[in-house]
PDB file of all heavy atoms in Angstrom:
ATOM      1  N   ALA A   1      25.386 300.057  84.550  1.00  0.00           N
ATOM      2  CA  ALA A   1      25.926 298.990  83.697  1.00  0.00           C
ATOM      3  C   ALA A   1      27.413 298.824  84.023  1.00  0.00           C
ATOM      4  O   ALA A   1      28.002 299.672  84.707  1.00  0.00           O
ATOM      5  CB  ALA A   1      25.729 299.354  82.230  1.00  0.00           C
ATOM      6  N   PRO A   2      28.046 297.760  83.545  1.00  0.00           N
ATOM      7  CA  PRO A   2      29.484 297.618  83.792  1.00  0.00           C
ATOM      8  C   PRO A   2      30.244 298.867  83.336  1.00  0.00           C
ATOM      9  O   PRO A   2      29.872 299.502  82.342  1.00  0.00           O
ATOM     10  CB  PRO A   2      29.864 296.394  82.956  1.00  0.00           C
ATOM     11  CG  PRO A   2      28.604 295.590  82.889  1.00  0.00           C
ATOM     12  CD  PRO A   2      27.495 296.621  82.818  1.00  0.00           C
ATOM     13  N   PRO A   3      31.296 299.244  84.063  1.00  0.00           N
ATOM     14  CA  PRO A   3      32.054 300.448  83.707  1.00  0.00           C
ATOM     15  C   PRO A   3      32.511 300.429  82.251  1.00  0.00           C
ATOM     16  O   PRO A   3      33.024 299.423  81.766  1.00  0.00           O
ATOM     17  CB  PRO A   3      33.259 300.410  84.652  1.00  0.00           C
ATOM     18  CG  PRO A   3      32.784 299.618  85.823  1.00  0.00           C
ATOM     19  CD  PRO A   3      31.845 298.580  85.253  1.00  0.00           C
ATOM     20  N   PHE A   4      32.291 301.575  81.581  1.00  0.00           N
ATOM     21  CA  PHE A   4      32.709 301.700  80.184  1.00  0.00           C
ATOM     22  C   PHE A   4      32.878 303.167  79.837  1.00  0.00           C
ATOM     23  O   PHE A   4      31.926 303.944  79.905  1.00  0.00           O
ATOM     24  CB  PHE A   4      31.684 301.065  79.240  1.00  0.00           C
ATOM     25  CG  PHE A   4      32.052 301.232  77.792  1.00  0.00           C
ATOM     26  CD1 PHE A   4      33.111 300.515  77.251  1.00  0.00           C
ATOM     27  CD2 PHE A   4      31.360 302.115  76.985  1.00  0.00           C
ATOM     28  CE1 PHE A   4      33.471 300.679  75.917  1.00  0.00           C
ATOM     29  CE2 PHE A   4      31.708 302.288  75.652  1.00  0.00           C
ATOM     30  CZ  PHE A   4      32.763 301.565  75.124  1.00  0.00           C
ATOM     31  N   ASP A   5      34.096 303.540  79.449  1.00  0.00           N
ATOM     32  CA  ASP A   5      34.386 304.887  78.966  1.00  0.00           C
ATOM     33  C   ASP A   5      34.315 304.844  77.443  1.00  0.00           C
ATOM     34  O   ASP A   5      35.156 304.212  76.804  1.00  0.00           O
ATOM     35  CB  ASP A   5      35.781 305.327  79.417  1.00  0.00           C
ATOM     36  CG  ASP A   5      36.119 306.745  79.007  1.00  0.00           C
ATOM     37  OD1 ASP A   5      35.431 307.320  78.129  1.00  0.00           O
ATOM     38  OD2 ASP A   5      37.095 307.284  79.555  1.00  0.00           O
ATOM     39  N   PRO A   6      33.315 305.479  76.832  1.00  0.00           N
ATOM     40  CA  PRO A   6      33.156 305.423  75.379  1.00  0.00           C
ATOM     41  C   PRO A   6      34.371 305.926  74.595  1.00  0.00           C
ATOM     42  O   PRO A   6      34.539 305.582  73.427  1.00  0.00           O
ATOM     43  CB  PRO A   6      31.940 306.309  75.105  1.00  0.00           C
ATOM     44  CG  PRO A   6      31.204 306.352  76.384  1.00  0.00           C
ATOM     45  CD  PRO A   6      32.253 306.252  77.462  1.00  0.00           C
ATOM     46  N   ARG A   7      35.228 306.725  75.226  1.00  0.00           N
ATOM     47  CA  ARG A   7      36.398 307.252  74.520  1.00  0.00           C
ATOM     48  C   ARG A   7      37.492 306.201  74.350  1.00  0.00           C
ATOM     49  O   ARG A   7      38.382 306.361  73.531  1.00  0.00           O
ATOM     50  CB  ARG A   7      36.990 308.438  75.269  1.00  0.00           C
ATOM     51  CG  ARG A   7      36.029 309.600  75.399  1.00  0.00           C
ATOM     52  CD  ARG A   7      36.558 310.620  76.347  1.00  0.00           C
ATOM     53  NE  ARG A   7      36.710 310.010  77.681  1.00  0.00           N
ATOM     54  CZ  ARG A   7      36.955 310.674  78.778  1.00  0.00           C
ATOM     55  NH1 ARG A   7      37.091 311.968  78.740  1.00  0.00           N
ATOM     56  NH2 ARG A   7      37.059 310.052  79.940  1.00  0.00           N
ATOM     57  N   GLY A   8      37.440 305.146  75.136  1.00  0.00           N
ATOM     58  CA  GLY A   8      38.484 304.122  75.096  1.00  0.00           C
ATOM     59  C   GLY A   8      38.572 303.482  73.723  1.00  0.00           C
ATOM     60  O   GLY A   8      37.607 302.911  73.228  1.00  0.00           O
ATOM     61  N   GLY A   9      39.717 303.593  73.115  1.00  0.00           N
ATOM     62  CA  GLY A   9      39.940 302.975  71.809  1.00  0.00           C
ATOM     63  C   GLY A   9      39.268 303.682  70.657  1.00  0.00           C
ATOM     64  O   GLY A   9      39.310 303.199  69.527  1.00  0.00           O
ATOM     65  N   MET A  10      38.628 304.833  70.910  1.00  0.00           N
ATOM     66  CA  MET A  10      37.972 305.547  69.820  1.00  0.00           C
ATOM     67  C   MET A  10      39.016 306.114  68.867  1.00  0.00           C
ATOM     68  O   MET A  10      39.985 306.729  69.290  1.00  0.00           O
ATOM     69  CB  MET A  10      37.114 306.684  70.355  1.00  0.00           C
ATOM     70  CG  MET A  10      36.273 307.328  69.272  1.00  0.00           C
ATOM     71  SD  MET A  10      35.274 308.689  69.890  1.00  0.00           S
ATOM     72  CE  MET A  10      36.413 310.045  69.686  1.00  0.00           C
ATOM     73  N   LYS A  11      38.827 305.844  67.595  1.00  0.00           N
ATOM     74  CA  LYS A  11      39.715 306.423  66.590  1.00  0.00           C
ATOM     75  C   LYS A  11      38.899 306.834  65.382  1.00  0.00           C
ATOM     76  O   LYS A  11      37.802 306.324  65.157  1.00  0.00           O
ATOM     77  CB  LYS A  11      40.808 305.430  66.208  1.00  0.00           C
ATOM     78  CG  LYS A  11      40.307 304.116  65.689  1.00  0.00           C
ATOM     79  CD  LYS A  11      41.453 303.174  65.411  1.00  0.00           C
ATOM     80  CE  LYS A  11      40.889 301.837  64.955  1.00  0.00           C
ATOM     81  NZ  LYS A  11      41.886 300.859  64.716  1.00  0.00           N
ATOM     82  N   SER A  12      39.445 307.748  64.621  1.00  0.00           N
ATOM     83  CA  SER A  12      38.754 308.207  63.422  1.00  0.00           C
ATOM     84  C   SER A  12      38.603 307.050  62.446  1.00  0.00           C
ATOM     85  O   SER A  12      39.555 306.297  62.226  1.00  0.00           O
ATOM     86  CB  SER A  12      39.545 309.329  62.744  1.00  0.00           C
ATOM     87  OG  SER A  12      39.662 310.418  63.614  1.00  0.00           O
ATOM     88  N   PRO A  13      37.412 306.898  61.850  1.00  0.00           N
ATOM     89  CA  PRO A  13      37.230 305.815  60.883  1.00  0.00           C
ATOM     90  C   PRO A  13      37.999 306.108  59.597  1.00  0.00           C
ATOM     91  O   PRO A  13      38.186 307.270  59.229  1.00  0.00           O
ATOM     92  CB  PRO A  13      35.728 305.815  60.637  1.00  0.00           C
ATOM     93  CG  PRO A  13      35.279 307.201  60.963  1.00  0.00           C
ATOM     94  CD  PRO A  13      36.221 307.694  62.042  1.00  0.00           C
ATOM     95  N   ASP A  14      38.454 305.063  58.956  1.00  0.00           N
ATOM     96  CA  ASP A  14      39.121 305.190  57.657  1.00  0.00           C
ATOM     97  C   ASP A  14      38.035 305.193  56.596  1.00  0.00           C
ATOM     98  O   ASP A  14      37.577 304.140  56.147  1.00  0.00           O
ATOM     99  CB  ASP A  14      40.092 304.029  57.443  1.00  0.00           C
ATOM    100  CG  ASP A  14      40.830 304.113  56.116  1.00  0.00           C
ATOM    101  OD1 ASP A  14      40.549 305.055  55.316  1.00  0.00           O
ATOM    102  OD2 ASP A  14      41.680 303.246  55.864  1.00  0.00           O
ATOM    103  N   LEU A  15      37.593 306.382  56.210  1.00  0.00           N
ATOM    104  CA  LEU A  15      36.486 306.511  55.269  1.00  0.00           C
ATOM    105  C   LEU A  15      36.852 306.074  53.859  1.00  0.00           C
ATOM    106  O   LEU A  15      35.969 305.826  53.039  1.00  0.00           O
ATOM    107  CB  LEU A  15      35.960 307.945  55.279  1.00  0.00           C
ATOM    108  CG  LEU A  15      35.421 308.423  56.630  1.00  0.00           C
ATOM    109  CD1 LEU A  15      34.976 309.872  56.542  1.00  0.00           C
ATOM    110  CD2 LEU A  15      34.295 307.532  57.129  1.00  0.00           C
ATOM    111  N   ALA A  16      38.133 305.953  53.574  1.00  0.00           N
ATOM    112  CA  ALA A  16      38.566 305.488  52.259  1.00  0.00           C
ATOM    113  C   ALA A  16      38.442 303.972  52.133  1.00  0.00           C
ATOM    114  O   ALA A  16      38.380 303.443  51.025  1.00  0.00           O
ATOM    115  CB  ALA A  16      40.004 305.918  51.992  1.00  0.00           C
ATOM    116  N   MET A  17      38.401 303.276  53.262  1.00  0.00           N
ATOM    117  CA  MET A  17      38.304 301.818  53.241  1.00  0.00           C
ATOM    118  C   MET A  17      36.879 301.407  52.867  1.00  0.00           C
ATOM    119  O   MET A  17      35.913 301.972  53.398  1.00  0.00           O
ATOM    120  CB  MET A  17      38.665 301.241  54.613  1.00  0.00           C
ATOM    121  CG  MET A  17      38.642 299.718  54.644  1.00  0.00           C
ATOM    122  SD  MET A  17      39.021 299.062  56.276  1.00  0.00           S
ATOM    123  CE  MET A  17      40.731 299.561  56.434  1.00  0.00           C
ATOM    124  N   PRO A  18      36.736 300.427  51.986  1.00  0.00           N
ATOM    125  CA  PRO A  18      35.388 299.963  51.622  1.00  0.00           C
ATOM    126  C   PRO A  18      34.648 299.443  52.864  1.00  0.00           C
ATOM    127  O   PRO A  18      35.252 298.874  53.771  1.00  0.00           O
ATOM    128  CB  PRO A  18      35.647 298.815  50.647  1.00  0.00           C
ATOM    129  CG  PRO A  18      37.045 299.010  50.163  1.00  0.00           C
ATOM    130  CD  PRO A  18      37.782 299.723  51.257  1.00  0.00           C
ATOM    131  N   LEU A  19      33.338 299.651  52.885  1.00  0.00           N
ATOM    132  CA  LEU A  19      32.532 299.218  54.019  1.00  0.00           C
ATOM    133  C   LEU A  19      32.719 297.737  54.325  1.00  0.00           C
ATOM    134  O   LEU A  19      32.739 297.338  55.484  1.00  0.00           O
ATOM    135  CB  LEU A  19      31.052 299.494  53.758  1.00  0.00           C
ATOM    136  CG  LEU A  19      30.601 300.944  53.858  1.00  0.00           C
ATOM    137  CD1 LEU A  19      29.135 301.081  53.441  1.00  0.00           C
ATOM    138  CD2 LEU A  19      30.793 301.467  55.263  1.00  0.00           C
ATOM    139  N   SER A  20      32.860 296.930  53.302  1.00  0.00           N
ATOM    140  CA  SER A  20      32.995 295.486  53.507  1.00  0.00           C
ATOM    141  C   SER A  20      34.265 295.115  54.259  1.00  0.00           C
ATOM    142  O   SER A  20      34.358 294.034  54.819  1.00  0.00           O
ATOM    143  CB  SER A  20      32.956 294.758  52.159  1.00  0.00           C
ATOM    144  OG  SER A  20      34.054 295.179  51.352  1.00  0.00           O
ATOM    145  N   ARG A  21      35.249 296.013  54.305  1.00  0.00           N
ATOM    146  CA  ARG A  21      36.509 295.725  54.991  1.00  0.00           C
ATOM    147  C   ARG A  21      36.629 296.408  56.348  1.00  0.00           C
ATOM    148  O   ARG A  21      37.594 296.174  57.072  1.00  0.00           O
ATOM    149  CB  ARG A  21      37.683 296.135  54.097  1.00  0.00           C
ATOM    150  CG  ARG A  21      37.750 295.268  52.818  1.00  0.00           C
ATOM    151  CD  ARG A  21      38.970 295.530  51.971  1.00  0.00           C
ATOM    152  NE  ARG A  21      40.186 295.467  52.769  1.00  0.00           N
ATOM    153  CZ  ARG A  21      41.255 296.239  52.550  1.00  0.00           C
ATOM    154  NH1 ARG A  21      41.242 297.116  51.570  1.00  0.00           N
ATOM    155  NH2 ARG A  21      42.326 296.138  53.298  1.00  0.00           N
ATOM    156  N   ARG A  22      35.679 297.255  56.685  1.00  0.00           N
ATOM    157  CA  ARG A  22      35.727 297.954  57.966  1.00  0.00           C
ATOM    158  C   ARG A  22      35.243 297.060  59.092  1.00  0.00           C
ATOM    159  O   ARG A  22      34.347 296.243  58.918  1.00  0.00           O
ATOM    160  CB  ARG A  22      34.846 299.200  57.938  1.00  0.00           C
ATOM    161  CG  ARG A  22      35.379 300.284  57.065  1.00  0.00           C
ATOM    162  CD  ARG A  22      34.557 301.538  57.258  1.00  0.00           C
ATOM    163  NE  ARG A  22      34.687 302.375  56.073  1.00  0.00           N
ATOM    164  CZ  ARG A  22      33.923 303.406  55.818  1.00  0.00           C
ATOM    165  NH1 ARG A  22      32.962 303.743  56.644  1.00  0.00           N
ATOM    166  NH2 ARG A  22      34.111 304.110  54.730  1.00  0.00           N
ATOM    167  N   ALA A  23      35.811 297.252  60.253  1.00  0.00           N
ATOM    168  CA  ALA A  23      35.353 296.537  61.447  1.00  0.00           C
ATOM    169  C   ALA A  23      33.970 297.063  61.838  1.00  0.00           C
ATOM    170  O   ALA A  23      33.676 298.247  61.696  1.00  0.00           O
ATOM    171  CB  ALA A  23      36.325 296.740  62.599  1.00  0.00           C
ATOM    172  N   VAL A  24      33.133 296.180  62.348  1.00  0.00           N
ATOM    173  CA  VAL A  24      31.802 296.562  62.794  1.00  0.00           C
ATOM    174  C   VAL A  24      31.922 297.265  64.141  1.00  0.00           C
ATOM    175  O   VAL A  24      32.675 296.837  65.012  1.00  0.00           O
ATOM    176  CB  VAL A  24      30.897 295.318  62.914  1.00  0.00           C
ATOM    177  CG1 VAL A  24      29.542 295.693  63.499  1.00  0.00           C
ATOM    178  CG2 VAL A  24      30.729 294.656  61.562  1.00  0.00           C
ATOM    179  N   GLY A  25      31.179 298.351  64.297  1.00  0.00           N
ATOM    180  CA  GLY A  25      31.123 299.050  65.581  1.00  0.00           C
ATOM    181  C   GLY A  25      32.062 300.234  65.664  1.00  0.00           C
ATOM    182  O   GLY A  25      33.045 300.332  64.932  1.00  0.00           O
ATOM    183  N   GLY A  26      31.710 301.139  66.543  1.00  0.00           N
ATOM    184  CA  GLY A  26      32.568 302.285  66.829  1.00  0.00           C
ATOM    185  C   GLY A  26      32.245 303.552  66.067  1.00  0.00           C
ATOM    186  O   GLY A  26      32.565 304.635  66.536  1.00  0.00           O
ATOM    187  N   LEU A  27      31.617 303.436  64.903  1.00  0.00           N
ATOM    188  CA  LEU A  27      31.348 304.633  64.108  1.00  0.00           C
ATOM    189  C   LEU A  27      30.325 305.535  64.804  1.00  0.00           C
ATOM    190  O   LEU A  27      30.478 306.750  64.828  1.00  0.00           O
ATOM    191  CB  LEU A  27      30.865 304.260  62.705  1.00  0.00           C
ATOM    192  CG  LEU A  27      30.648 305.425  61.741  1.00  0.00           C
ATOM    193  CD1 LEU A  27      31.909 306.253  61.571  1.00  0.00           C
ATOM    194  CD2 LEU A  27      30.145 304.920  60.404  1.00  0.00           C
ATOM    195  N   GLY A  28      29.305 304.937  65.397  1.00  0.00           N
ATOM    196  CA  GLY A  28      28.295 305.735  66.094  1.00  0.00           C
ATOM    197  C   GLY A  28      28.877 306.509  67.256  1.00  0.00           C
ATOM    198  O   GLY A  28      28.569 307.684  67.451  1.00  0.00           O
ATOM    199  N   VAL A  29      29.727 305.854  68.036  1.00  0.00           N
ATOM    200  CA  VAL A  29      30.370 306.537  69.166  1.00  0.00           C
ATOM    201  C   VAL A  29      31.258 307.662  68.657  1.00  0.00           C
ATOM    202  O   VAL A  29      31.240 308.768  69.197  1.00  0.00           O
ATOM    203  CB  VAL A  29      31.169 305.540  70.037  1.00  0.00           C
ATOM    204  CG1 VAL A  29      32.031 306.277  71.054  1.00  0.00           C
ATOM    205  CG2 VAL A  29      30.238 304.576  70.732  1.00  0.00           C
TER     206      VAL A  29
END
């Protein structure tokens, strides 16, 4: 597949933020 390093841009999720305000994606990685 096209080159992709899963670590790129990975950051700890802000668990205090309500789900409705969180960006979609990244939590699984």
